N, C-alpha and C. Protein backbone atom coordinates (compact mmCIF):
# COMPACT_ATOMS: atom_id res chain seq x y z
N MET A 1 0.82 -1.18 0.00
CA MET A 1 0.00 0.00 0.00
C MET A 1 0.87 1.26 0.00
N LYS A 2 1.95 1.25 0.80
CA LYS A 2 2.84 2.40 0.86
C LYS A 2 3.47 2.67 -0.51
N LYS A 3 3.83 1.57 -1.20
CA LYS A 3 4.48 1.72 -2.50
C LYS A 3 3.55 2.38 -3.51
N ILE A 4 2.28 2.04 -3.48
CA ILE A 4 1.31 2.62 -4.41
C ILE A 4 1.14 4.11 -4.14
N VAL A 5 1.06 4.48 -2.86
CA VAL A 5 0.89 5.88 -2.50
C VAL A 5 2.13 6.67 -2.91
N ILE A 6 3.31 6.13 -2.67
CA ILE A 6 4.55 6.81 -3.03
C ILE A 6 4.66 6.95 -4.55
N ALA A 7 4.30 5.91 -5.26
CA ALA A 7 4.34 5.97 -6.72
C ALA A 7 3.36 7.00 -7.25
N ALA A 8 2.17 7.05 -6.66
CA ALA A 8 1.16 8.03 -7.10
C ALA A 8 1.63 9.45 -6.81
N LEU A 9 2.25 9.66 -5.65
CA LEU A 9 2.77 10.99 -5.32
C LEU A 9 3.92 11.38 -6.25
N ALA A 10 4.77 10.42 -6.57
CA ALA A 10 5.89 10.70 -7.46
C ALA A 10 5.37 11.07 -8.85
N ALA A 11 4.40 10.32 -9.36
CA ALA A 11 3.84 10.62 -10.68
C ALA A 11 3.14 11.97 -10.67
N GLY A 12 2.41 12.25 -9.60
CA GLY A 12 1.74 13.54 -9.48
C GLY A 12 2.73 14.68 -9.37
N GLY A 13 3.82 14.45 -8.69
CA GLY A 13 4.86 15.47 -8.56
C GLY A 13 5.52 15.76 -9.89
N LEU A 14 5.76 14.72 -10.67
CA LEU A 14 6.36 14.92 -11.98
C LEU A 14 5.40 15.63 -12.92
N ALA A 15 4.11 15.34 -12.76
CA ALA A 15 3.12 16.02 -13.59
C ALA A 15 3.02 17.49 -13.21
N ALA A 16 3.17 17.78 -11.94
CA ALA A 16 3.08 19.16 -11.48
C ALA A 16 4.32 19.96 -11.88
N PHE A 17 5.46 19.30 -12.00
CA PHE A 17 6.71 19.97 -12.36
C PHE A 17 7.26 19.32 -13.63
N PRO A 18 6.85 19.80 -14.79
CA PRO A 18 7.27 19.17 -16.03
C PRO A 18 8.79 19.21 -16.26
N ALA A 19 9.47 20.16 -15.65
CA ALA A 19 10.92 20.23 -15.83
C ALA A 19 11.61 19.02 -15.23
N LEU A 20 10.97 18.37 -14.22
CA LEU A 20 11.57 17.20 -13.60
C LEU A 20 11.27 15.92 -14.37
N ALA A 21 10.26 15.96 -15.23
CA ALA A 21 9.88 14.77 -16.00
C ALA A 21 10.92 14.51 -17.08
N PRO A 22 11.08 13.25 -17.48
CA PRO A 22 12.03 12.97 -18.56
C PRO A 22 11.60 13.67 -19.84
N ALA A 23 12.57 14.11 -20.62
CA ALA A 23 12.28 14.85 -21.85
C ALA A 23 11.57 13.95 -22.86
N ASP A 24 10.67 14.54 -23.58
CA ASP A 24 9.95 13.82 -24.63
C ASP A 24 10.93 13.59 -25.77
N SER A 25 11.21 12.34 -26.07
CA SER A 25 12.23 12.04 -27.08
C SER A 25 11.65 11.84 -28.46
N ALA A 26 10.34 11.97 -28.64
CA ALA A 26 9.74 11.79 -29.96
C ALA A 26 10.25 12.82 -30.97
N PRO A 27 10.26 14.12 -30.64
CA PRO A 27 10.79 15.07 -31.62
C PRO A 27 12.27 14.86 -31.91
N VAL A 28 13.02 14.51 -30.89
CA VAL A 28 14.45 14.26 -31.07
C VAL A 28 14.67 13.04 -31.96
N GLY A 29 13.88 12.00 -31.73
CA GLY A 29 13.97 10.80 -32.57
C GLY A 29 13.58 11.09 -34.00
N ALA A 30 12.59 11.95 -34.19
CA ALA A 30 12.18 12.33 -35.54
C ALA A 30 13.30 13.08 -36.26
N VAL A 31 13.98 13.95 -35.53
CA VAL A 31 15.09 14.70 -36.14
C VAL A 31 16.23 13.75 -36.50
N LYS A 32 16.52 12.81 -35.62
CA LYS A 32 17.58 11.84 -35.90
C LYS A 32 17.24 11.01 -37.13
N ALA A 33 15.98 10.60 -37.27
CA ALA A 33 15.55 9.84 -38.44
C ALA A 33 15.64 10.70 -39.70
N ASP A 34 15.27 11.97 -39.59
CA ASP A 34 15.36 12.88 -40.73
C ASP A 34 16.81 13.08 -41.17
N LEU A 35 17.70 13.20 -40.18
CA LEU A 35 19.12 13.36 -40.51
C LEU A 35 19.67 12.12 -41.22
N ALA A 36 19.27 10.95 -40.75
CA ALA A 36 19.72 9.71 -41.39
C ALA A 36 19.19 9.63 -42.82
N LYS A 37 17.93 10.00 -43.02
CA LYS A 37 17.34 9.96 -44.36
C LYS A 37 18.01 10.97 -45.27
N LEU A 38 18.29 12.15 -44.76
CA LEU A 38 18.97 13.18 -45.55
C LEU A 38 20.36 12.71 -45.98
N GLN A 39 21.09 12.11 -45.05
CA GLN A 39 22.43 11.62 -45.39
C GLN A 39 22.35 10.50 -46.41
N ALA A 40 21.40 9.60 -46.26
CA ALA A 40 21.25 8.49 -47.21
C ALA A 40 20.87 9.01 -48.59
N ASP A 41 19.94 9.94 -48.64
CA ASP A 41 19.54 10.50 -49.93
C ASP A 41 20.67 11.29 -50.58
N MET A 42 21.44 11.99 -49.78
CA MET A 42 22.57 12.76 -50.32
C MET A 42 23.64 11.82 -50.86
N SER A 43 23.90 10.73 -50.16
CA SER A 43 24.89 9.76 -50.62
C SER A 43 24.45 9.10 -51.92
N SER A 44 23.18 8.74 -52.01
CA SER A 44 22.70 8.12 -53.24
C SER A 44 22.68 9.12 -54.39
N ALA A 45 22.35 10.37 -54.10
CA ALA A 45 22.38 11.41 -55.13
C ALA A 45 23.81 11.63 -55.61
N ARG A 46 24.74 11.67 -54.66
CA ARG A 46 26.15 11.86 -55.05
C ARG A 46 26.61 10.73 -55.94
N ALA A 47 26.28 9.50 -55.56
CA ALA A 47 26.72 8.35 -56.35
C ALA A 47 26.13 8.41 -57.76
N ALA A 48 24.86 8.73 -57.87
CA ALA A 48 24.22 8.78 -59.18
C ALA A 48 24.76 9.94 -60.02
N LEU A 49 24.85 11.11 -59.43
CA LEU A 49 25.27 12.29 -60.19
C LEU A 49 26.74 12.25 -60.58
N VAL A 50 27.57 11.78 -59.68
CA VAL A 50 29.00 11.68 -60.00
C VAL A 50 29.21 10.65 -61.11
N GLY A 51 28.50 9.54 -61.02
CA GLY A 51 28.60 8.52 -62.08
C GLY A 51 28.13 9.04 -63.42
N ASP A 52 27.01 9.75 -63.42
CA ASP A 52 26.49 10.32 -64.67
C ASP A 52 27.46 11.36 -65.25
N ALA A 53 28.00 12.21 -64.38
CA ALA A 53 28.93 13.25 -64.85
C ALA A 53 30.21 12.63 -65.40
N GLU A 54 30.72 11.59 -64.75
CA GLU A 54 31.93 10.94 -65.24
C GLU A 54 31.68 10.28 -66.60
N LYS A 55 30.52 9.66 -66.76
CA LYS A 55 30.18 9.02 -68.03
C LYS A 55 30.03 10.08 -69.13
N LEU A 56 29.40 11.19 -68.80
CA LEU A 56 29.25 12.27 -69.77
C LEU A 56 30.61 12.82 -70.19
N ALA A 57 31.50 13.04 -69.23
CA ALA A 57 32.83 13.55 -69.54
C ALA A 57 33.61 12.55 -70.41
N ALA A 58 33.50 11.27 -70.09
CA ALA A 58 34.20 10.25 -70.88
C ALA A 58 33.64 10.18 -72.30
N ASP A 59 32.33 10.24 -72.45
CA ASP A 59 31.73 10.19 -73.78
C ASP A 59 32.04 11.45 -74.58
N ALA A 60 32.08 12.59 -73.92
CA ALA A 60 32.42 13.84 -74.61
C ALA A 60 33.87 13.81 -75.07
N THR A 61 34.74 13.28 -74.25
CA THR A 61 36.15 13.18 -74.64
C THR A 61 36.31 12.19 -75.79
N ALA A 62 35.59 11.09 -75.74
CA ALA A 62 35.68 10.09 -76.80
C ALA A 62 35.08 10.59 -78.12
N ALA A 63 34.13 11.51 -78.03
CA ALA A 63 33.47 12.01 -79.24
C ALA A 63 34.27 13.08 -79.96
N LYS A 64 35.36 13.54 -79.38
CA LYS A 64 36.20 14.54 -80.05
C LYS A 64 36.72 13.95 -81.35
N GLY A 65 36.70 14.79 -82.37
CA GLY A 65 37.21 14.35 -83.66
C GLY A 65 36.15 13.68 -84.53
N THR A 66 34.96 13.50 -84.01
CA THR A 66 33.89 12.92 -84.81
C THR A 66 33.04 14.05 -85.38
N ALA A 67 32.10 13.69 -86.21
CA ALA A 67 31.19 14.68 -86.78
C ALA A 67 30.30 15.24 -85.68
N PRO A 68 29.90 16.48 -85.82
CA PRO A 68 29.06 17.10 -84.77
C PRO A 68 27.76 16.33 -84.49
N LYS A 69 27.12 15.82 -85.54
CA LYS A 69 25.87 15.08 -85.32
C LYS A 69 26.14 13.77 -84.58
N ALA A 70 27.22 13.11 -84.91
CA ALA A 70 27.56 11.86 -84.22
C ALA A 70 27.93 12.13 -82.76
N ALA A 71 28.66 13.21 -82.53
CA ALA A 71 29.04 13.57 -81.16
C ALA A 71 27.80 13.92 -80.34
N ARG A 72 26.90 14.66 -80.96
CA ARG A 72 25.66 15.02 -80.25
C ARG A 72 24.84 13.78 -79.92
N ALA A 73 24.78 12.84 -80.86
CA ALA A 73 24.03 11.60 -80.62
C ALA A 73 24.68 10.78 -79.51
N ALA A 74 25.99 10.86 -79.39
CA ALA A 74 26.70 10.11 -78.35
C ALA A 74 26.52 10.73 -76.97
N VAL A 75 26.41 12.05 -76.92
CA VAL A 75 26.40 12.76 -75.65
C VAL A 75 24.98 13.05 -75.14
N LYS A 76 24.03 13.20 -76.04
CA LYS A 76 22.68 13.62 -75.65
C LYS A 76 22.02 12.70 -74.62
N PRO A 77 22.08 11.37 -74.76
CA PRO A 77 21.46 10.53 -73.71
C PRO A 77 22.09 10.70 -72.33
N ASP A 78 23.39 10.94 -72.31
CA ASP A 78 24.08 11.16 -71.04
C ASP A 78 23.63 12.46 -70.38
N VAL A 79 23.46 13.50 -71.20
CA VAL A 79 23.01 14.79 -70.67
C VAL A 79 21.59 14.65 -70.12
N GLN A 80 20.73 13.95 -70.86
CA GLN A 80 19.35 13.76 -70.40
C GLN A 80 19.29 12.96 -69.11
N LYS A 81 20.11 11.92 -69.00
CA LYS A 81 20.14 11.09 -67.79
C LYS A 81 20.64 11.92 -66.60
N LEU A 82 21.69 12.70 -66.83
CA LEU A 82 22.22 13.55 -65.78
C LEU A 82 21.17 14.56 -65.33
N HIS A 83 20.49 15.15 -66.28
CA HIS A 83 19.47 16.15 -65.94
C HIS A 83 18.32 15.52 -65.14
N SER A 84 17.84 14.36 -65.57
CA SER A 84 16.73 13.72 -64.85
C SER A 84 17.14 13.29 -63.45
N ASP A 85 18.37 12.78 -63.30
CA ASP A 85 18.86 12.41 -61.97
C ASP A 85 19.01 13.64 -61.08
N LEU A 86 19.46 14.73 -61.67
CA LEU A 86 19.63 15.97 -60.92
C LEU A 86 18.28 16.50 -60.42
N VAL A 87 17.28 16.47 -61.27
CA VAL A 87 15.94 16.94 -60.88
C VAL A 87 15.37 16.05 -59.77
N ALA A 88 15.53 14.73 -59.92
CA ALA A 88 15.00 13.80 -58.91
C ALA A 88 15.72 13.98 -57.57
N ALA A 89 17.03 14.12 -57.62
CA ALA A 89 17.80 14.30 -56.39
C ALA A 89 17.45 15.61 -55.71
N ARG A 90 17.30 16.64 -56.50
CA ARG A 90 16.96 17.95 -55.93
C ARG A 90 15.60 17.90 -55.24
N ALA A 91 14.63 17.23 -55.85
CA ALA A 91 13.29 17.13 -55.26
C ALA A 91 13.34 16.34 -53.95
N ALA A 92 14.06 15.23 -53.95
CA ALA A 92 14.16 14.40 -52.74
C ALA A 92 14.86 15.15 -51.61
N LEU A 93 15.95 15.83 -51.93
CA LEU A 93 16.69 16.55 -50.91
C LEU A 93 15.91 17.76 -50.39
N LYS A 94 15.16 18.39 -51.27
CA LYS A 94 14.35 19.52 -50.84
C LYS A 94 13.26 19.06 -49.88
N ALA A 95 12.64 17.93 -50.17
CA ALA A 95 11.61 17.37 -49.28
C ALA A 95 12.22 16.96 -47.94
N ASP A 96 13.40 16.33 -47.99
CA ASP A 96 14.09 15.95 -46.75
C ASP A 96 14.41 17.18 -45.90
N HIS A 97 14.88 18.23 -46.55
CA HIS A 97 15.25 19.44 -45.82
C HIS A 97 14.02 20.09 -45.19
N ALA A 98 12.91 20.12 -45.90
CA ALA A 98 11.69 20.71 -45.35
C ALA A 98 11.20 19.92 -44.14
N GLN A 99 11.26 18.59 -44.24
CA GLN A 99 10.83 17.75 -43.11
C GLN A 99 11.76 17.95 -41.92
N LEU A 100 13.05 18.01 -42.18
CA LEU A 100 14.02 18.23 -41.11
C LEU A 100 13.80 19.57 -40.45
N LYS A 101 13.55 20.58 -41.24
CA LYS A 101 13.34 21.92 -40.70
C LYS A 101 12.13 21.96 -39.76
N SER A 102 11.04 21.32 -40.16
CA SER A 102 9.85 21.33 -39.31
C SER A 102 10.07 20.50 -38.04
N ASP A 103 10.78 19.38 -38.17
CA ASP A 103 11.04 18.55 -36.98
C ASP A 103 12.02 19.23 -36.02
N VAL A 104 12.98 19.96 -36.55
CA VAL A 104 13.91 20.69 -35.68
C VAL A 104 13.16 21.78 -34.92
N ALA A 105 12.22 22.44 -35.60
CA ALA A 105 11.42 23.47 -34.93
C ALA A 105 10.61 22.85 -33.79
N ALA A 106 10.07 21.65 -34.01
CA ALA A 106 9.32 20.97 -32.95
C ALA A 106 10.25 20.52 -31.83
N ALA A 107 11.43 20.07 -32.18
CA ALA A 107 12.38 19.58 -31.17
C ALA A 107 12.92 20.72 -30.31
N LYS A 108 12.97 21.92 -30.84
CA LYS A 108 13.46 23.05 -30.05
C LYS A 108 12.55 23.36 -28.87
N GLN A 109 11.33 22.88 -28.94
CA GLN A 109 10.39 23.11 -27.84
C GLN A 109 10.68 22.19 -26.65
N VAL A 110 11.45 21.12 -26.90
CA VAL A 110 11.80 20.17 -25.84
C VAL A 110 13.07 20.66 -25.17
N LYS A 111 13.04 20.70 -23.85
CA LYS A 111 14.20 21.18 -23.10
C LYS A 111 15.37 20.23 -23.28
N GLY A 112 16.52 20.77 -23.64
CA GLY A 112 17.74 19.98 -23.78
C GLY A 112 17.91 19.35 -25.15
N ALA A 113 16.90 19.46 -26.01
CA ALA A 113 16.99 18.83 -27.32
C ALA A 113 18.01 19.53 -28.21
N ALA A 114 18.06 20.84 -28.14
CA ALA A 114 18.98 21.59 -28.99
C ALA A 114 20.42 21.19 -28.69
N LYS A 115 20.73 21.04 -27.43
CA LYS A 115 22.09 20.66 -27.04
C LYS A 115 22.41 19.24 -27.51
N GLU A 116 21.42 18.37 -27.45
CA GLU A 116 21.62 16.98 -27.86
C GLU A 116 21.77 16.87 -29.38
N LEU A 117 21.05 17.70 -30.11
CA LEU A 117 21.04 17.60 -31.58
C LEU A 117 22.17 18.38 -32.25
N ARG A 118 22.74 19.34 -31.56
CA ARG A 118 23.75 20.21 -32.17
C ARG A 118 24.90 19.45 -32.83
N PRO A 119 25.53 18.46 -32.17
CA PRO A 119 26.64 17.76 -32.84
C PRO A 119 26.19 16.95 -34.06
N MET A 120 25.00 16.37 -33.98
CA MET A 120 24.50 15.60 -35.12
C MET A 120 24.20 16.51 -36.31
N LEU A 121 23.60 17.65 -36.04
CA LEU A 121 23.31 18.60 -37.11
C LEU A 121 24.60 19.11 -37.74
N LYS A 122 25.59 19.36 -36.90
CA LYS A 122 26.87 19.88 -37.40
C LYS A 122 27.57 18.85 -38.29
N SER A 123 27.59 17.60 -37.86
CA SER A 123 28.26 16.57 -38.66
C SER A 123 27.50 16.29 -39.96
N THR A 124 26.18 16.33 -39.90
CA THR A 124 25.39 16.12 -41.12
C THR A 124 25.63 17.27 -42.09
N ARG A 125 25.67 18.48 -41.57
CA ARG A 125 25.92 19.65 -42.42
C ARG A 125 27.28 19.53 -43.10
N ALA A 126 28.29 19.08 -42.37
CA ALA A 126 29.63 18.92 -42.95
C ALA A 126 29.64 17.83 -44.02
N THR A 127 28.94 16.74 -43.76
CA THR A 127 28.87 15.64 -44.72
C THR A 127 28.18 16.09 -46.01
N VAL A 128 27.08 16.80 -45.86
CA VAL A 128 26.33 17.27 -47.03
C VAL A 128 27.18 18.26 -47.83
N ARG A 129 27.88 19.15 -47.15
CA ARG A 129 28.77 20.10 -47.85
C ARG A 129 29.84 19.37 -48.64
N GLN A 130 30.44 18.36 -48.04
CA GLN A 130 31.50 17.60 -48.70
C GLN A 130 30.96 16.90 -49.94
N GLU A 131 29.83 16.24 -49.80
CA GLU A 131 29.27 15.52 -50.94
C GLU A 131 28.81 16.48 -52.03
N ARG A 132 28.27 17.62 -51.64
CA ARG A 132 27.87 18.63 -52.62
C ARG A 132 29.08 19.16 -53.38
N SER A 133 30.20 19.36 -52.69
CA SER A 133 31.39 19.85 -53.38
C SER A 133 31.94 18.79 -54.35
N GLU A 134 31.82 17.52 -53.99
CA GLU A 134 32.25 16.45 -54.91
C GLU A 134 31.37 16.44 -56.16
N ILE A 135 30.07 16.62 -55.98
CA ILE A 135 29.16 16.67 -57.12
C ILE A 135 29.50 17.86 -58.01
N ARG A 136 29.70 19.00 -57.41
CA ARG A 136 30.02 20.21 -58.19
C ARG A 136 31.32 20.05 -58.96
N ALA A 137 32.31 19.42 -58.36
CA ALA A 137 33.59 19.23 -59.04
C ALA A 137 33.41 18.33 -60.26
N GLU A 138 32.66 17.25 -60.11
CA GLU A 138 32.43 16.35 -61.25
C GLU A 138 31.60 17.01 -62.33
N LEU A 139 30.61 17.81 -61.93
CA LEU A 139 29.81 18.52 -62.93
C LEU A 139 30.66 19.54 -63.68
N ALA A 140 31.58 20.18 -62.99
CA ALA A 140 32.48 21.13 -63.65
C ALA A 140 33.37 20.42 -64.66
N LYS A 141 33.85 19.23 -64.32
CA LYS A 141 34.66 18.45 -65.27
C LYS A 141 33.84 18.07 -66.50
N ALA A 142 32.59 17.69 -66.28
CA ALA A 142 31.72 17.32 -67.40
C ALA A 142 31.44 18.53 -68.29
N ARG A 143 31.19 19.68 -67.68
CA ARG A 143 30.96 20.91 -68.46
C ARG A 143 32.20 21.26 -69.29
N GLN A 144 33.36 21.12 -68.66
CA GLN A 144 34.60 21.43 -69.38
C GLN A 144 34.80 20.47 -70.55
N ALA A 145 34.47 19.22 -70.36
CA ALA A 145 34.59 18.25 -71.44
C ALA A 145 33.65 18.60 -72.59
N LEU A 146 32.45 19.06 -72.26
CA LEU A 146 31.51 19.48 -73.31
C LEU A 146 32.01 20.74 -74.02
N ARG A 147 32.60 21.68 -73.28
CA ARG A 147 33.18 22.88 -73.90
C ARG A 147 34.31 22.50 -74.86
N ASP A 148 35.14 21.57 -74.41
CA ASP A 148 36.24 21.12 -75.27
C ASP A 148 35.71 20.43 -76.52
N LEU A 149 34.65 19.67 -76.36
CA LEU A 149 34.04 19.00 -77.51
C LEU A 149 33.49 20.04 -78.50
N ARG A 150 32.80 21.06 -78.00
CA ARG A 150 32.29 22.11 -78.88
C ARG A 150 33.43 22.87 -79.55
N ALA A 151 34.51 23.10 -78.81
CA ALA A 151 35.66 23.81 -79.38
C ALA A 151 36.33 22.99 -80.47
N SER A 152 36.27 21.67 -80.36
CA SER A 152 36.91 20.83 -81.38
C SER A 152 36.17 20.93 -82.73
N PHE A 153 34.91 21.34 -82.72
CA PHE A 153 34.16 21.50 -83.96
C PHE A 153 34.54 22.80 -84.67
N GLN A 154 35.07 23.76 -83.96
CA GLN A 154 35.40 25.07 -84.52
C GLN A 154 36.70 25.05 -85.30
N LYS A 155 37.53 24.07 -85.08
CA LYS A 155 38.85 24.03 -85.71
C LYS A 155 38.78 23.67 -87.16
């Protein structure tokens, strides 16, 4: 009987003082899941886009010295594939970012959540920046290969 009364008083005390109650981990868990999804989508986007850009650059380099129509026929499917992958990746990452933003806003309402999430957000931000720079570098190489291919027609 004493244990039931003590347990009831403890539960009532925690209800009366929400700061003493354990933090609600649902928003924090949602943010962690969003971060994992964002990283996974970014990694898959990087793999697809870097592969497409490398293939485009290789095909553009191989098409040098051919007729312009033949070179265009060789490169056009690669450009279309790269463009469609880029649009799909951008849409997925934009949706992930919007979901993360709303979940972070909800998690900020939980005491101590910001401190708990800060290192995870920082590492995810660094990972996304690194992968984005790798994508940009490969796209720049592909653009340069296409410029070189166009320049080879002018000679």
